């Protein structure tokens, strides 16, 4: 059996469908998740991942990505990368071609160029329009996914499971109008993603500062290691965040997980979250709410 999970209503569907297509062509889990996320990064209508995303306070795009393989706990990540896309592919190169876990900023860009990635202008006309409107005071800070205009937004996090083997991955441009150099949970192993074939895989999306402080993905995997189901582990992490981190109640924080047995689940601190899943080619979406709702 092969399972793919991905976050958010529209990019999530693109991600799992592309991952399944890659699987049908013989791709391993790393390849499937890389291609699923790359498809979202390269589509400018998704405003919080890759090309055409919403800029930082200086009008520049800074992208983050990470991948972790549960077979041997190998991981690769990049953060604050400018002018390179898709960065999930760069994160995989860090995983496979270096002894390191993360490369940052200009040096991550330099590494990508050495690996054959070509610099490009990632700011589309729409991205420039949004930035100019923010600078003019016409729009303020808003969490992207919660606005009607930005319904295509937010970090895309993916989990893949095949016969007990798991890979987790994530890609994002982070918060709109963030301070230059700001990095959230997405590329942080243990916060944005985690995978261990001995227990399970987990990922997160939402307000990165809160998810990072909670070590949300690692905590969720450790819950499964203690014997919780994937859903129980997600609920446990989110309940703890709701109790200890009031900011997580104002802007959604989400965790998703899949256990070594293949059961999966998700939970959110606030509102309704859409989790896409593809189980042996059957694609569906699940509405996820806070524990107990």
Protein backbone atom coordinates (compact mmCIF):
# COMPACT_ATOMS: atom_id res chain seq x y z
CA UNK A 1 0.00 0.00 0.00
CA UNK A 2 1.12 3.55 -0.74
CA UNK A 3 -0.27 6.65 0.98
CA UNK A 4 0.34 10.35 0.39
CA UNK A 5 -0.93 13.18 2.60
CA UNK A 6 -0.76 16.90 1.84
CA UNK A 7 -1.96 20.12 3.41
CA UNK A 8 -4.55 22.70 2.36
CA UNK A 9 -7.48 22.64 0.00
CA UNK A 10 -6.06 23.43 -3.43
CA UNK A 11 -2.28 22.97 -3.31
CA UNK A 12 -2.79 19.75 -1.37
CA UNK A 13 -4.74 18.19 -4.20
CA UNK A 14 -2.06 19.13 -6.71
CA UNK A 15 0.60 17.69 -4.41
CA UNK A 16 -0.95 14.25 -3.82
CA UNK A 17 -2.05 13.79 -7.42
CA UNK A 18 1.41 14.66 -8.71
CA UNK A 19 3.03 12.38 -6.13
CA UNK A 20 0.83 9.48 -7.22
CA UNK A 21 1.75 10.08 -10.86
CA UNK A 22 5.42 9.93 -9.89
CA UNK A 23 4.77 6.69 -7.99
CA UNK A 24 3.10 5.20 -11.06
CA UNK A 25 6.29 5.92 -12.99
CA UNK A 26 8.36 4.03 -10.44
CA UNK A 27 9.47 6.91 -8.25
CA UNK A 28 10.52 6.24 -4.67
CA UNK A 29 8.99 8.20 -1.80
CA UNK A 30 11.63 10.92 -1.94
CA UNK A 31 10.96 11.46 -5.63
CA UNK A 32 7.19 11.39 -5.19
CA UNK A 33 7.21 14.03 -2.47
CA UNK A 34 9.78 16.15 -4.30
CA UNK A 35 7.67 16.17 -7.46
CA UNK A 36 4.46 16.83 -5.53
CA UNK A 37 5.92 19.87 -3.79
CA UNK A 38 7.77 21.09 -6.88
CA UNK A 39 4.48 21.15 -8.81
CA UNK A 40 3.08 23.51 -6.18
CA UNK A 41 6.24 25.63 -6.02
CA UNK A 42 6.21 26.19 -9.77
CA UNK A 43 2.53 27.19 -9.91
CA UNK A 44 2.21 30.94 -9.22
CA UNK A 45 -1.39 30.74 -8.05
CA UNK A 46 -0.25 29.22 -4.75
CA UNK A 47 0.79 32.32 -2.85
CA UNK A 48 2.80 30.81 0.01
CA UNK A 49 5.05 28.41 -1.84
CA UNK A 50 7.57 29.05 -4.60
CA UNK A 51 7.08 31.18 -7.70
CA UNK A 52 4.85 34.23 -7.24
CA UNK A 53 4.59 33.94 -3.46
CA UNK A 54 4.06 36.92 -1.18
CA UNK A 55 7.27 38.79 -0.38
CA UNK A 56 9.08 39.78 2.78
CA UNK A 57 9.16 43.36 4.08
CA UNK A 58 11.86 44.29 1.56
CA UNK A 59 9.87 42.98 -1.40
CA UNK A 60 12.00 39.86 -1.82
CA UNK A 61 11.00 36.21 -1.82
CA UNK A 62 12.79 33.96 0.65
CA UNK A 63 11.96 30.27 0.35
CA UNK A 64 12.35 27.37 2.79
CA UNK A 65 12.12 23.60 2.33
CA UNK A 66 13.02 20.34 4.04
CA UNK A 67 12.91 16.57 3.55
CA UNK A 68 13.47 13.72 6.02
CA UNK A 69 13.70 9.97 5.37
CA UNK A 70 12.45 7.73 8.15
CA UNK A 71 14.58 4.76 7.10
CA UNK A 72 17.82 6.23 8.45
CA UNK A 73 16.77 9.65 9.83
CA UNK A 74 18.65 11.40 7.02
CA UNK A 75 17.47 14.95 6.38
CA UNK A 76 18.16 17.98 4.24
CA UNK A 77 16.86 21.53 4.43
CA UNK A 78 17.36 25.04 3.10
CA UNK A 79 16.08 28.35 4.39
CA UNK A 80 15.90 31.99 3.32
CA UNK A 81 16.83 31.13 -0.27
CA UNK A 82 16.28 33.79 -2.94
CA UNK A 83 15.87 33.42 -6.71
CA UNK A 84 15.90 29.60 -6.77
CA UNK A 85 12.88 27.36 -7.37
CA UNK A 86 11.89 24.66 -6.58
CA UNK A 87 13.74 24.69 -3.27
CA UNK A 88 12.45 21.26 -2.26
CA UNK A 89 14.82 19.90 -4.89
CA UNK A 90 17.69 21.82 -3.31
CA UNK A 91 16.76 20.43 0.11
CA UNK A 92 16.93 16.93 -1.33
CA UNK A 93 20.39 17.70 -2.72
CA UNK A 94 21.49 18.76 0.76
CA UNK A 95 20.15 15.45 2.10
CA UNK A 96 21.82 13.28 -0.51
CA UNK A 97 24.99 15.16 -1.51
CA UNK A 98 26.29 16.70 1.74
CA UNK A 99 26.99 15.60 5.32
CA UNK A 100 24.93 18.55 6.56
CA UNK A 101 21.26 18.99 7.43
CA UNK A 102 20.68 22.66 6.57
CA UNK A 103 22.14 25.36 4.33
CA UNK A 104 20.96 28.94 4.64
CA UNK A 105 20.55 32.11 2.63
CA UNK A 106 23.18 33.08 0.06
CA UNK A 107 25.23 29.96 0.71
CA UNK A 108 22.22 27.75 0.04
CA UNK A 109 21.75 29.66 -3.21
CA UNK A 110 25.42 29.19 -4.06
CA UNK A 111 25.11 25.45 -3.39
CA UNK A 112 22.02 25.26 -5.60
CA UNK A 113 23.80 27.01 -8.46
CA UNK A 114 26.74 24.62 -8.12
CA UNK A 115 24.23 21.80 -8.50
CA UNK A 116 22.86 23.29 -11.73
CA UNK A 117 19.90 25.35 -10.55
CA UNK A 118 19.45 28.59 -12.48
CA UNK A 119 18.65 31.85 -10.66
CA UNK A 120 15.41 33.49 -11.73
CA UNK A 121 13.11 36.34 -10.77
CA UNK A 122 10.33 34.73 -8.72
CA UNK A 123 8.26 37.90 -8.24
CA UNK A 124 5.28 37.78 -10.60
CA UNK A 125 3.19 40.83 -11.47
CA UNK A 126 0.58 39.73 -8.93
CA UNK A 127 3.21 39.32 -6.22
CA UNK A 128 4.51 42.83 -6.94
CA UNK A 129 0.94 44.19 -6.84
CA UNK A 130 0.31 42.61 -3.46
CA UNK A 131 3.57 43.95 -2.07
CA UNK A 132 2.92 47.46 -3.37
CA UNK A 133 -0.55 47.38 -1.81
CA UNK A 134 0.93 46.35 1.52
CA UNK A 135 3.55 49.11 1.37
CA UNK A 136 0.81 51.62 0.60
CA UNK A 137 -1.12 50.50 3.67
CA UNK A 138 -4.00 49.10 1.65
CA UNK A 139 -3.60 45.66 3.18
CA UNK A 140 -2.17 44.65 6.53
CA UNK A 141 -0.72 41.47 7.91
CA UNK A 142 -3.06 38.56 7.32
CA UNK A 143 -2.49 34.86 7.64
CA UNK A 144 -2.69 33.90 3.98
CA UNK A 145 -4.94 30.87 4.12
CA UNK A 146 -7.68 32.59 6.10
CA UNK A 147 -8.55 35.23 3.50
CA UNK A 148 -10.90 34.77 0.58
CA UNK A 149 -8.53 36.54 -1.79
CA UNK A 150 -5.68 34.25 -0.78
CA UNK A 151 -7.53 30.93 -0.72
CA UNK A 152 -4.65 29.25 -2.57
CA UNK A 153 -2.14 29.93 0.17
CA UNK A 154 0.00 28.38 2.85
CA UNK A 155 2.88 26.02 3.38
CA UNK A 156 2.50 22.66 1.68
CA UNK A 157 3.59 19.78 3.88
CA UNK A 158 3.56 16.19 2.61
CA UNK A 159 3.91 12.74 4.14
CA UNK A 160 4.51 9.56 2.19
CA UNK A 161 4.10 5.97 3.42
CA UNK A 162 4.86 2.74 1.58
CA UNK A 163 4.76 -0.60 3.35
CA UNK A 164 5.99 0.90 6.61
CA UNK A 165 8.61 3.22 5.13
CA UNK A 166 8.01 6.97 5.50
CA UNK A 167 9.30 10.28 4.15
CA UNK A 168 8.16 13.76 5.16
CA UNK A 169 8.76 17.03 3.30
CA UNK A 170 7.68 20.66 3.26
CA UNK A 171 8.12 23.83 1.21
CA UNK A 172 7.05 27.43 1.81
CA UNK A 173 7.76 31.11 1.36
CA UNK A 174 6.76 31.75 4.97
CA UNK A 175 4.73 34.63 6.34
CA UNK A 176 3.85 37.44 3.99
CA UNK A 177 5.68 40.70 4.72
CA UNK A 178 7.95 38.97 7.25
CA UNK A 179 11.21 40.53 8.43
CA UNK A 180 14.01 39.58 6.03
CA UNK A 181 15.73 36.44 7.27
CA UNK A 182 12.74 35.20 9.26
CA UNK A 183 12.46 31.41 9.22
CA UNK A 184 9.48 29.47 10.52
CA UNK A 185 8.95 25.84 11.38
CA UNK A 186 8.80 24.41 7.86
CA UNK A 187 12.51 23.70 7.23
CA UNK A 188 13.25 22.79 10.85
CA UNK A 189 13.61 19.07 11.49
CA UNK A 190 11.39 18.22 14.46
CA UNK A 191 9.23 21.32 14.06
CA UNK A 192 7.95 21.40 10.48
CA UNK A 193 8.62 17.74 9.62
CA UNK A 194 9.89 14.52 11.17
CA UNK A 195 10.01 10.87 10.11
CA UNK A 196 11.17 7.67 11.79
CA UNK A 197 10.21 4.28 10.40
CA UNK A 198 10.25 2.89 13.94
CA UNK A 199 7.34 5.14 14.95
CA UNK A 200 5.75 7.31 12.26
CA UNK A 201 5.97 10.53 10.29
CA UNK A 202 4.51 13.95 11.01
CA UNK A 203 4.36 17.41 9.55
CA UNK A 204 3.04 20.81 10.49
CA UNK A 205 1.66 23.96 8.89
CA UNK A 206 0.38 27.24 10.22
CA UNK A 207 1.99 29.83 12.49
CA UNK A 208 5.61 28.75 12.33
CA UNK A 209 6.81 30.41 15.50
CA UNK A 210 4.30 28.48 17.62
CA UNK A 211 4.85 25.16 15.85
CA UNK A 212 8.60 25.54 16.27
CA UNK A 213 8.32 26.29 19.99
CA UNK A 214 6.16 23.17 20.36
CA UNK A 215 8.57 20.94 18.39
CA UNK A 216 5.26 19.88 16.91
CA UNK A 217 6.31 17.19 14.45
CA UNK A 218 8.79 15.48 16.77
CA UNK A 219 6.28 15.54 19.62
CA UNK A 220 3.66 13.93 17.40
CA UNK A 221 6.00 11.15 16.25
CA UNK A 222 7.00 10.50 19.84
CA UNK A 223 3.33 10.15 20.70
CA UNK A 224 3.04 7.37 18.15
CA UNK A 225 6.20 5.79 19.56
CA UNK A 226 4.42 5.63 22.93
CA UNK A 227 1.56 3.72 21.33
CA UNK A 228 -0.88 6.44 20.31
CA UNK A 229 -2.60 6.22 16.94
CA UNK A 230 -1.75 8.91 14.41
CA UNK A 231 -4.98 10.77 15.21
CA UNK A 232 -4.44 10.49 18.96
CA UNK A 233 -0.88 11.78 18.59
CA UNK A 234 -2.06 14.78 16.56
CA UNK A 235 -4.77 15.55 19.10
CA UNK A 236 -2.26 15.30 21.94
CA UNK A 237 0.12 17.79 20.32
CA UNK A 238 -2.62 20.25 19.45
CA UNK A 239 -4.23 20.06 22.90
CA UNK A 240 -0.87 20.88 24.47
CA UNK A 241 -0.41 23.85 22.14
CA UNK A 242 -3.91 25.14 22.83
CA UNK A 243 -3.22 24.95 26.57
CA UNK A 244 0.27 26.44 26.62
CA UNK A 245 0.44 28.68 23.55
CA UNK A 246 -2.44 31.18 23.27
CA UNK A 247 -1.15 32.56 19.96
CA UNK A 248 -1.92 29.20 18.37
CA UNK A 249 -5.62 29.91 18.96
CA UNK A 250 -5.50 33.13 16.92
CA UNK A 251 -3.81 31.77 13.79
CA UNK A 252 -4.27 28.08 12.92
CA UNK A 253 -1.59 25.56 13.82
CA UNK A 254 -1.97 22.14 12.22
CA UNK A 255 -0.23 18.80 12.61
CA UNK A 256 -0.70 15.74 10.41
CA UNK A 257 0.71 12.28 10.95
CA UNK A 258 0.90 8.74 9.70
CA UNK A 259 1.94 5.80 11.86
CA UNK A 260 4.25 2.94 10.95
CA UNK A 261 1.10 0.81 10.57
CA UNK A 262 -0.35 3.25 8.02
CA UNK A 263 -3.19 4.90 9.95
CA UNK A 264 -3.21 8.67 9.58
CA UNK A 265 -4.79 11.75 11.09
CA UNK A 266 -4.59 15.50 11.61
CA UNK A 267 -5.72 18.20 14.01
CA UNK A 268 -5.84 21.99 14.11
CA UNK A 269 -5.98 24.58 16.86
CA UNK A 270 -8.59 26.71 15.11
CA UNK A 271 -11.08 26.67 12.26
CA UNK A 272 -11.41 23.99 9.59
CA UNK A 273 -8.40 22.54 7.80
CA UNK A 274 -8.43 20.43 4.63
CA UNK A 275 -6.19 17.34 4.54
CA UNK A 276 -5.76 15.66 1.16
CA UNK A 277 -4.96 11.97 1.06
CA UNK A 278 -4.19 9.52 -1.70
CA UNK A 279 -4.44 5.85 -0.78
CA UNK A 280 -3.32 3.57 -3.60
CA UNK A 281 -4.50 6.15 -6.13
CA UNK A 282 -7.84 6.95 -4.48
CA UNK A 283 -7.79 10.69 -3.78
CA UNK A 284 -10.06 12.33 -1.21
CA UNK A 285 -10.12 15.29 1.16
CA UNK A 286 -10.94 15.35 4.85
CA UNK A 287 -12.13 18.31 6.91
CA UNK A 288 -10.14 18.56 10.11
CA UNK A 289 -11.12 20.51 13.23
CA UNK A 290 -9.76 21.06 16.72
CA UNK A 291 -9.77 18.09 19.12
CA UNK A 292 -13.22 17.47 20.55
CA UNK A 293 -15.07 19.54 17.94
